[in-house]
Amino acid sequence: MSGAGAPNTAPSDCHELRVAVVAASWHETVMDGLLAGAKRALEDHKVEEPVVVRVPGTFELPVVAAGLAKAGYDAVIALGVVIRGGTPHFDYVCTAATDGLTRVALDYLTAVGFGVLTCDDEAQALDRAGLEGSHEDKGYEAAAAALATAVTLREVARPY
């Protein structure tokens, strides 16, 4: 099981950050869990009024994340799920989402939380979605990582 070795950090006060969540719509139950987890993390970190935007699927996450980063958000949390099927489609979507979200982070120097599940089957996705009975809460983890990165980016941008 993944998750072993994850950092155990306490929530920090991120009320000054502008934060957006962009979430895919495919696999509604899994996405509801990921989005709820991200919202819990934002609340724990005292983020006020995060923007939540829905897109059709995981492939669409990077372009909307780029628009949000360009609009000045300090952190963008990208949530999606791709479940392996019998065609190469899985590989194309996973690569496009990963490369696209990485590009958003680097091009805009914006913290991007990578909450995209890439699973072999629905059971794996449900186990990571932060639902009752899930072993992991990847929505929460992605949001917490984005916030920690946004805080670090602010710190390194300060003149010494």
Protein backbone atom coordinates (compact mmCIF):
# COMPACT_ATOMS: atom_id res chain seq x y z
CA MET A 1 0.00 0.00 0.00
CA SER A 2 1.23 3.49 -0.78
CA GLY A 3 1.24 6.10 1.94
CA ALA A 4 4.08 4.59 3.93
CA GLY A 5 6.62 7.23 4.85
CA ALA A 6 4.27 10.18 4.34
CA PRO A 7 5.21 13.30 6.31
CA ASN A 8 3.24 13.94 9.45
CA THR A 9 2.82 17.71 9.50
CA ALA A 10 0.34 19.72 11.50
CA PRO A 11 -1.95 22.14 9.65
CA SER A 12 -0.68 25.70 9.46
CA ASP A 13 -2.58 28.98 9.16
CA CYS A 14 -2.99 29.66 5.44
CA HIS A 15 -5.84 32.17 5.64
CA GLU A 16 -3.92 34.69 3.53
CA LEU A 17 -3.55 32.33 0.57
CA ARG A 18 -5.80 32.42 -2.49
CA VAL A 19 -6.61 28.80 -3.21
CA ALA A 20 -8.51 27.05 -5.98
CA VAL A 21 -9.52 23.43 -6.44
CA VAL A 22 -10.08 22.02 -9.91
CA ALA A 23 -11.80 18.64 -9.87
CA ALA A 24 -12.76 16.20 -12.60
CA SER A 25 -16.28 14.83 -12.83
CA TRP A 26 -15.71 11.22 -13.96
CA HIS A 27 -16.13 8.52 -11.26
CA GLU A 28 -18.49 10.56 -9.11
CA THR A 29 -18.15 8.61 -5.85
CA VAL A 30 -14.36 8.74 -5.91
CA MET A 31 -14.38 12.40 -6.89
CA ASP A 32 -16.83 13.29 -4.12
CA GLY A 33 -14.42 11.72 -1.63
CA LEU A 34 -11.36 13.48 -3.04
CA LEU A 35 -13.13 16.83 -3.07
CA ALA A 36 -14.42 16.38 0.48
CA GLY A 37 -10.90 15.52 1.65
CA ALA A 38 -9.44 18.60 -0.02
CA LYS A 39 -12.11 20.78 1.56
CA ARG A 40 -11.32 19.30 5.01
CA ALA A 41 -7.65 20.12 4.55
CA LEU A 42 -8.45 23.67 3.48
CA GLU A 43 -10.65 24.12 6.52
CA ASP A 44 -7.96 22.66 8.82
CA HIS A 45 -5.46 25.12 7.32
CA LYS A 46 -7.89 28.05 7.77
CA VAL A 47 -8.23 28.78 4.05
CA GLU A 48 -11.07 31.23 3.57
CA GLU A 49 -13.38 30.97 0.55
CA PRO A 50 -11.52 28.58 -1.75
CA VAL A 51 -12.77 28.50 -5.32
CA VAL A 52 -13.95 25.11 -6.59
CA VAL A 53 -14.16 24.48 -10.33
CA ARG A 54 -15.38 21.26 -11.97
CA VAL A 55 -14.14 20.00 -15.33
CA PRO A 56 -15.31 17.02 -17.39
CA GLY A 57 -12.31 14.75 -16.82
CA THR A 58 -8.71 14.44 -15.72
CA PHE A 59 -7.39 15.42 -19.15
CA GLU A 60 -8.95 18.87 -18.71
CA LEU A 61 -7.28 19.58 -15.34
CA PRO A 62 -4.05 21.21 -16.64
CA VAL A 63 -5.64 23.86 -18.84
CA VAL A 64 -8.01 25.03 -16.10
CA ALA A 65 -5.22 24.84 -13.51
CA ALA A 66 -3.15 27.08 -15.80
CA GLY A 67 -6.00 29.57 -16.02
CA LEU A 68 -6.29 29.65 -12.23
CA ALA A 69 -2.54 30.03 -11.77
CA LYS A 70 -2.49 32.85 -14.33
CA ALA A 71 -5.33 34.52 -12.40
CA GLY A 72 -3.02 34.73 -9.38
CA TYR A 73 -4.03 31.85 -7.12
CA ASP A 74 -1.27 30.91 -4.66
CA ALA A 75 -2.20 27.24 -4.77
CA VAL A 76 -4.20 25.09 -7.16
CA ILE A 77 -5.30 21.63 -6.09
CA ALA A 78 -5.96 19.29 -9.03
CA LEU A 79 -8.18 16.28 -8.33
CA GLY A 80 -8.95 13.48 -10.74
CA VAL A 81 -9.02 9.75 -11.22
CA VAL A 82 -8.03 7.57 -14.16
CA ILE A 83 -8.80 3.85 -14.00
CA ARG A 84 -6.91 1.50 -16.28
CA GLY A 85 -8.92 -0.05 -19.08
CA GLY A 86 -8.05 -2.29 -21.97
CA THR A 87 -6.61 0.41 -24.24
CA PRO A 88 -3.64 2.83 -24.12
CA HIS A 89 -6.07 5.67 -23.26
CA PHE A 90 -5.09 5.31 -19.57
CA ASP A 91 -1.42 5.99 -20.35
CA TYR A 92 -2.18 9.00 -22.55
CA VAL A 93 -4.47 10.66 -20.02
CA CYS A 94 -2.13 10.00 -17.07
CA THR A 95 0.88 11.36 -18.95
CA ALA A 96 -1.00 14.42 -20.22
CA ALA A 97 -2.32 15.26 -16.74
CA THR A 98 1.04 14.75 -15.02
CA ASP A 99 3.07 16.64 -17.60
CA GLY A 100 0.46 19.41 -17.87
CA LEU A 101 0.16 19.98 -14.13
CA THR A 102 3.95 19.97 -13.75
CA ARG A 103 4.17 22.57 -16.49
CA VAL A 104 1.57 24.75 -14.73
CA ALA A 105 3.59 24.66 -11.50
CA LEU A 106 6.85 25.55 -13.23
CA ASP A 107 5.52 28.06 -15.76
CA TYR A 108 3.55 30.04 -13.17
CA LEU A 109 5.65 29.29 -10.05
CA THR A 110 2.42 28.20 -8.41
CA ALA A 111 1.94 25.42 -5.91
CA VAL A 112 -0.02 22.61 -7.59
CA GLY A 113 -1.42 19.83 -5.45
CA PHE A 114 -1.38 16.60 -7.43
CA GLY A 115 -4.47 14.70 -6.37
CA VAL A 116 -4.80 12.55 -9.47
CA LEU A 117 -5.38 8.88 -8.74
CA THR A 118 -4.00 6.50 -11.36
CA CYS A 119 -5.44 3.12 -10.45
CA ASP A 120 -5.70 -0.34 -11.93
CA ASP A 121 -9.31 -0.72 -10.80
CA GLU A 122 -12.15 1.04 -9.01
CA ALA A 123 -11.36 -0.69 -5.69
CA GLN A 124 -7.93 0.95 -5.60
CA ALA A 125 -9.48 4.34 -6.31
CA LEU A 126 -12.10 3.94 -3.59
CA ASP A 127 -9.39 2.90 -1.11
CA ARG A 128 -7.55 6.20 -1.72
CA ALA A 129 -10.57 8.52 -1.97
CA GLY A 130 -10.93 9.40 1.72
CA LEU A 131 -14.34 7.77 1.97
CA GLU A 132 -15.57 5.82 4.98
CA GLY A 133 -13.53 2.62 4.94
CA SER A 134 -10.76 4.07 2.71
CA HIS A 135 -7.18 3.57 3.86
CA GLU A 136 -5.98 6.86 2.40
CA ASP A 137 -7.28 10.39 1.80
CA LYS A 138 -5.46 11.64 -1.27
CA GLY A 139 -7.67 14.72 -1.62
CA TYR A 140 -6.62 15.88 1.84
CA GLU A 141 -2.97 15.03 1.14
CA ALA A 142 -2.92 16.92 -2.18
CA ALA A 143 -4.43 20.03 -0.61
CA ALA A 144 -2.07 19.95 2.38
CA ALA A 145 0.95 19.52 0.08
CA ALA A 146 -0.13 22.43 -2.12
CA LEU A 147 -0.57 24.69 0.89
CA ALA A 148 2.82 23.76 2.35
CA THR A 149 4.42 24.43 -1.03
CA ALA A 150 2.64 27.78 -1.40
CA VAL A 151 3.93 28.85 2.02
CA THR A 152 7.46 27.79 1.04
CA LEU A 153 7.22 29.70 -2.25
CA ARG A 154 6.23 32.84 -0.34
CA GLU A 155 9.18 32.37 2.02
CA VAL A 156 11.77 31.91 -0.74
CA ALA A 157 10.38 34.92 -2.65
CA ARG A 158 11.01 37.27 0.28
CA PRO A 159 14.07 39.50 -0.04
CA TYR A 160 16.72 38.69 2.53
